[in-house]
Amino acid sequence: MMGLETDIINVFILTMLVVTAVGVMWLRDLLAAVMLTGFYSLLSACWMVILDAPDVAYTEAAVGAGVS
């Protein structure tokens, strides 16, 4: 699954990761920051699945859910 579609998905997910990280950094509300951190973990897990690393994605999802 290499091609233009994969590149577009990678750029979209990485852009969303950066936007989420900046959002977490600037938020004052603790609950909203925790929710965005969980969303960041979900995006990271999705990116790892796209990179054909499902074991790392499972670990990221479990650790992200535990931290949140």
N, C-alpha and C. Protein backbone atom coordinates (compact mmCIF):
# COMPACT_ATOMS: atom_id res chain seq x y z
N MET A 1 0.84 -1.18 0.00
CA MET A 1 0.00 0.00 0.00
C MET A 1 0.89 1.25 0.00
N MET A 2 1.71 1.35 -0.97
CA MET A 2 2.54 2.54 -1.08
C MET A 2 2.08 3.32 -2.30
N GLY A 3 1.96 4.59 -2.14
CA GLY A 3 1.54 5.39 -3.27
C GLY A 3 1.05 6.75 -2.79
N LEU A 4 0.36 7.40 -3.67
CA LEU A 4 -0.12 8.75 -3.39
C LEU A 4 -1.12 8.76 -2.24
N GLU A 5 -1.98 7.74 -2.18
CA GLU A 5 -2.98 7.69 -1.11
C GLU A 5 -2.31 7.60 0.26
N THR A 6 -1.30 6.77 0.36
CA THR A 6 -0.58 6.62 1.63
C THR A 6 0.13 7.90 2.02
N ASP A 7 0.70 8.57 1.03
CA ASP A 7 1.37 9.84 1.33
C ASP A 7 0.39 10.89 1.83
N ILE A 8 -0.77 10.94 1.22
CA ILE A 8 -1.80 11.91 1.65
C ILE A 8 -2.26 11.60 3.06
N ILE A 9 -2.48 10.32 3.36
CA ILE A 9 -2.91 9.93 4.71
C ILE A 9 -1.82 10.23 5.73
N ASN A 10 -0.56 9.95 5.38
CA ASN A 10 0.54 10.25 6.30
C ASN A 10 0.64 11.73 6.59
N VAL A 11 0.55 12.56 5.57
CA VAL A 11 0.63 14.01 5.77
C VAL A 11 -0.55 14.49 6.62
N PHE A 12 -1.74 13.95 6.37
CA PHE A 12 -2.90 14.36 7.15
C PHE A 12 -2.74 13.98 8.62
N ILE A 13 -2.34 12.74 8.88
CA ILE A 13 -2.20 12.30 10.27
C ILE A 13 -1.09 13.06 10.98
N LEU A 14 0.03 13.26 10.32
CA LEU A 14 1.13 14.01 10.95
C LEU A 14 0.74 15.47 11.20
N THR A 15 -0.02 16.06 10.29
CA THR A 15 -0.51 17.42 10.51
C THR A 15 -1.45 17.47 11.71
N MET A 16 -2.34 16.48 11.80
CA MET A 16 -3.25 16.43 12.94
C MET A 16 -2.49 16.20 14.24
N LEU A 17 -1.41 15.42 14.21
CA LEU A 17 -0.59 15.22 15.41
C LEU A 17 0.03 16.54 15.87
N VAL A 18 0.53 17.32 14.93
CA VAL A 18 1.13 18.61 15.29
C VAL A 18 0.07 19.56 15.83
N VAL A 19 -1.09 19.62 15.18
CA VAL A 19 -2.17 20.50 15.65
C VAL A 19 -2.63 20.09 17.04
N THR A 20 -2.76 18.80 17.27
CA THR A 20 -3.18 18.32 18.59
C THR A 20 -2.15 18.63 19.66
N ALA A 21 -0.87 18.46 19.34
CA ALA A 21 0.18 18.75 20.31
C ALA A 21 0.20 20.24 20.66
N VAL A 22 0.03 21.09 19.67
CA VAL A 22 -0.01 22.54 19.94
C VAL A 22 -1.26 22.88 20.75
N GLY A 23 -2.36 22.21 20.46
CA GLY A 23 -3.58 22.44 21.23
C GLY A 23 -3.43 22.04 22.68
N VAL A 24 -2.79 20.92 22.93
CA VAL A 24 -2.55 20.48 24.32
C VAL A 24 -1.65 21.49 25.03
N MET A 25 -0.68 22.00 24.31
CA MET A 25 0.27 22.93 24.92
C MET A 25 -0.41 24.24 25.33
N TRP A 26 -1.38 24.71 24.56
CA TRP A 26 -1.99 26.01 24.83
C TRP A 26 -3.25 25.94 25.67
N LEU A 27 -3.79 24.76 25.93
CA LEU A 27 -5.03 24.66 26.70
C LEU A 27 -4.80 24.95 28.18
N ARG A 28 -5.78 25.59 28.79
CA ARG A 28 -5.74 25.84 30.23
C ARG A 28 -6.62 24.86 31.00
N ASP A 29 -7.63 24.32 30.34
CA ASP A 29 -8.57 23.39 30.98
C ASP A 29 -7.94 22.00 31.03
N LEU A 30 -7.83 21.45 32.22
CA LEU A 30 -7.15 20.17 32.40
C LEU A 30 -7.90 19.03 31.72
N LEU A 31 -9.22 19.01 31.84
CA LEU A 31 -10.00 17.94 31.22
C LEU A 31 -9.85 17.96 29.70
N ALA A 32 -9.90 19.13 29.11
CA ALA A 32 -9.74 19.24 27.66
C ALA A 32 -8.34 18.81 27.23
N ALA A 33 -7.33 19.13 28.03
CA ALA A 33 -5.97 18.72 27.71
C ALA A 33 -5.83 17.20 27.77
N VAL A 34 -6.46 16.57 28.74
CA VAL A 34 -6.41 15.11 28.85
C VAL A 34 -7.13 14.47 27.68
N MET A 35 -8.27 15.05 27.29
CA MET A 35 -9.00 14.51 26.14
C MET A 35 -8.18 14.63 24.86
N LEU A 36 -7.52 15.76 24.67
CA LEU A 36 -6.68 15.91 23.49
C LEU A 36 -5.47 15.00 23.52
N THR A 37 -4.96 14.72 24.71
CA THR A 37 -3.85 13.78 24.83
C THR A 37 -4.29 12.37 24.41
N GLY A 38 -5.50 11.99 24.77
CA GLY A 38 -6.04 10.71 24.32
C GLY A 38 -6.21 10.67 22.82
N PHE A 39 -6.66 11.79 22.24
CA PHE A 39 -6.80 11.87 20.78
C PHE A 39 -5.44 11.79 20.11
N TYR A 40 -4.43 12.40 20.72
CA TYR A 40 -3.06 12.33 20.19
C TYR A 40 -2.58 10.88 20.19
N SER A 41 -2.89 10.16 21.25
CA SER A 41 -2.50 8.75 21.33
C SER A 41 -3.20 7.93 20.25
N LEU A 42 -4.47 8.21 20.02
CA LEU A 42 -5.22 7.51 18.97
C LEU A 42 -4.61 7.79 17.60
N LEU A 43 -4.28 9.04 17.33
CA LEU A 43 -3.66 9.38 16.05
C LEU A 43 -2.30 8.70 15.90
N SER A 44 -1.54 8.64 16.98
CA SER A 44 -0.24 7.95 16.93
C SER A 44 -0.43 6.47 16.62
N ALA A 45 -1.42 5.86 17.23
CA ALA A 45 -1.69 4.44 16.97
C ALA A 45 -2.11 4.22 15.52
N CYS A 46 -2.93 5.11 15.01
CA CYS A 46 -3.35 5.00 13.60
C CYS A 46 -2.15 5.12 12.67
N TRP A 47 -1.25 6.03 13.00
CA TRP A 47 -0.07 6.22 12.17
C TRP A 47 0.83 4.97 12.20
N MET A 48 0.92 4.35 13.35
CA MET A 48 1.73 3.14 13.45
C MET A 48 1.11 1.98 12.66
N VAL A 49 -0.20 1.91 12.61
CA VAL A 49 -0.86 0.88 11.80
C VAL A 49 -0.56 1.11 10.32
N ILE A 50 -0.58 2.36 9.90
CA ILE A 50 -0.27 2.68 8.50
C ILE A 50 1.17 2.30 8.18
N LEU A 51 2.07 2.44 9.15
CA LEU A 51 3.47 2.08 8.95
C LEU A 51 3.72 0.59 9.13
N ASP A 52 2.64 -0.21 9.20
CA ASP A 52 2.72 -1.67 9.35
C ASP A 52 3.43 -2.09 10.63
N ALA A 53 3.09 -1.43 11.72
CA ALA A 53 3.61 -1.81 13.04
C ALA A 53 2.44 -1.94 14.01
N PRO A 54 1.61 -2.96 13.83
CA PRO A 54 0.42 -3.07 14.69
C PRO A 54 0.75 -3.35 16.15
N ASP A 55 1.85 -4.03 16.42
CA ASP A 55 2.21 -4.30 17.81
C ASP A 55 2.55 -3.01 18.54
N VAL A 56 3.22 -2.11 17.86
CA VAL A 56 3.53 -0.80 18.46
C VAL A 56 2.25 0.01 18.61
N ALA A 57 1.34 -0.13 17.66
CA ALA A 57 0.07 0.61 17.74
C ALA A 57 -0.76 0.14 18.94
N TYR A 58 -0.79 -1.18 19.17
CA TYR A 58 -1.51 -1.70 20.34
C TYR A 58 -0.90 -1.16 21.64
N THR A 59 0.41 -1.15 21.69
CA THR A 59 1.09 -0.66 22.89
C THR A 59 0.81 0.82 23.10
N GLU A 60 0.86 1.59 22.01
CA GLU A 60 0.59 3.03 22.10
C GLU A 60 -0.84 3.29 22.57
N ALA A 61 -1.78 2.54 22.03
CA ALA A 61 -3.18 2.71 22.43
C ALA A 61 -3.37 2.35 23.90
N ALA A 62 -2.75 1.28 24.35
CA ALA A 62 -2.90 0.87 25.75
C ALA A 62 -2.24 1.86 26.70
N VAL A 63 -1.04 2.30 26.37
CA VAL A 63 -0.35 3.26 27.23
C VAL A 63 -1.06 4.60 27.20
N GLY A 64 -1.51 5.03 26.02
CA GLY A 64 -2.23 6.29 25.92
C GLY A 64 -3.53 6.29 26.72
N ALA A 65 -4.24 5.17 26.68
CA ALA A 65 -5.46 5.06 27.46
C ALA A 65 -5.16 5.03 28.95
N GLY A 66 -4.07 4.36 29.31
CA GLY A 66 -3.68 4.31 30.73
C GLY A 66 -3.24 5.65 31.27
N VAL A 67 -2.51 6.40 30.48
CA VAL A 67 -2.05 7.72 30.91
C VAL A 67 -3.22 8.69 31.02
N SER A 68 -4.14 8.59 30.08
CA SER A 68 -5.30 9.50 30.10
C SER A 68 -6.19 9.18 31.28
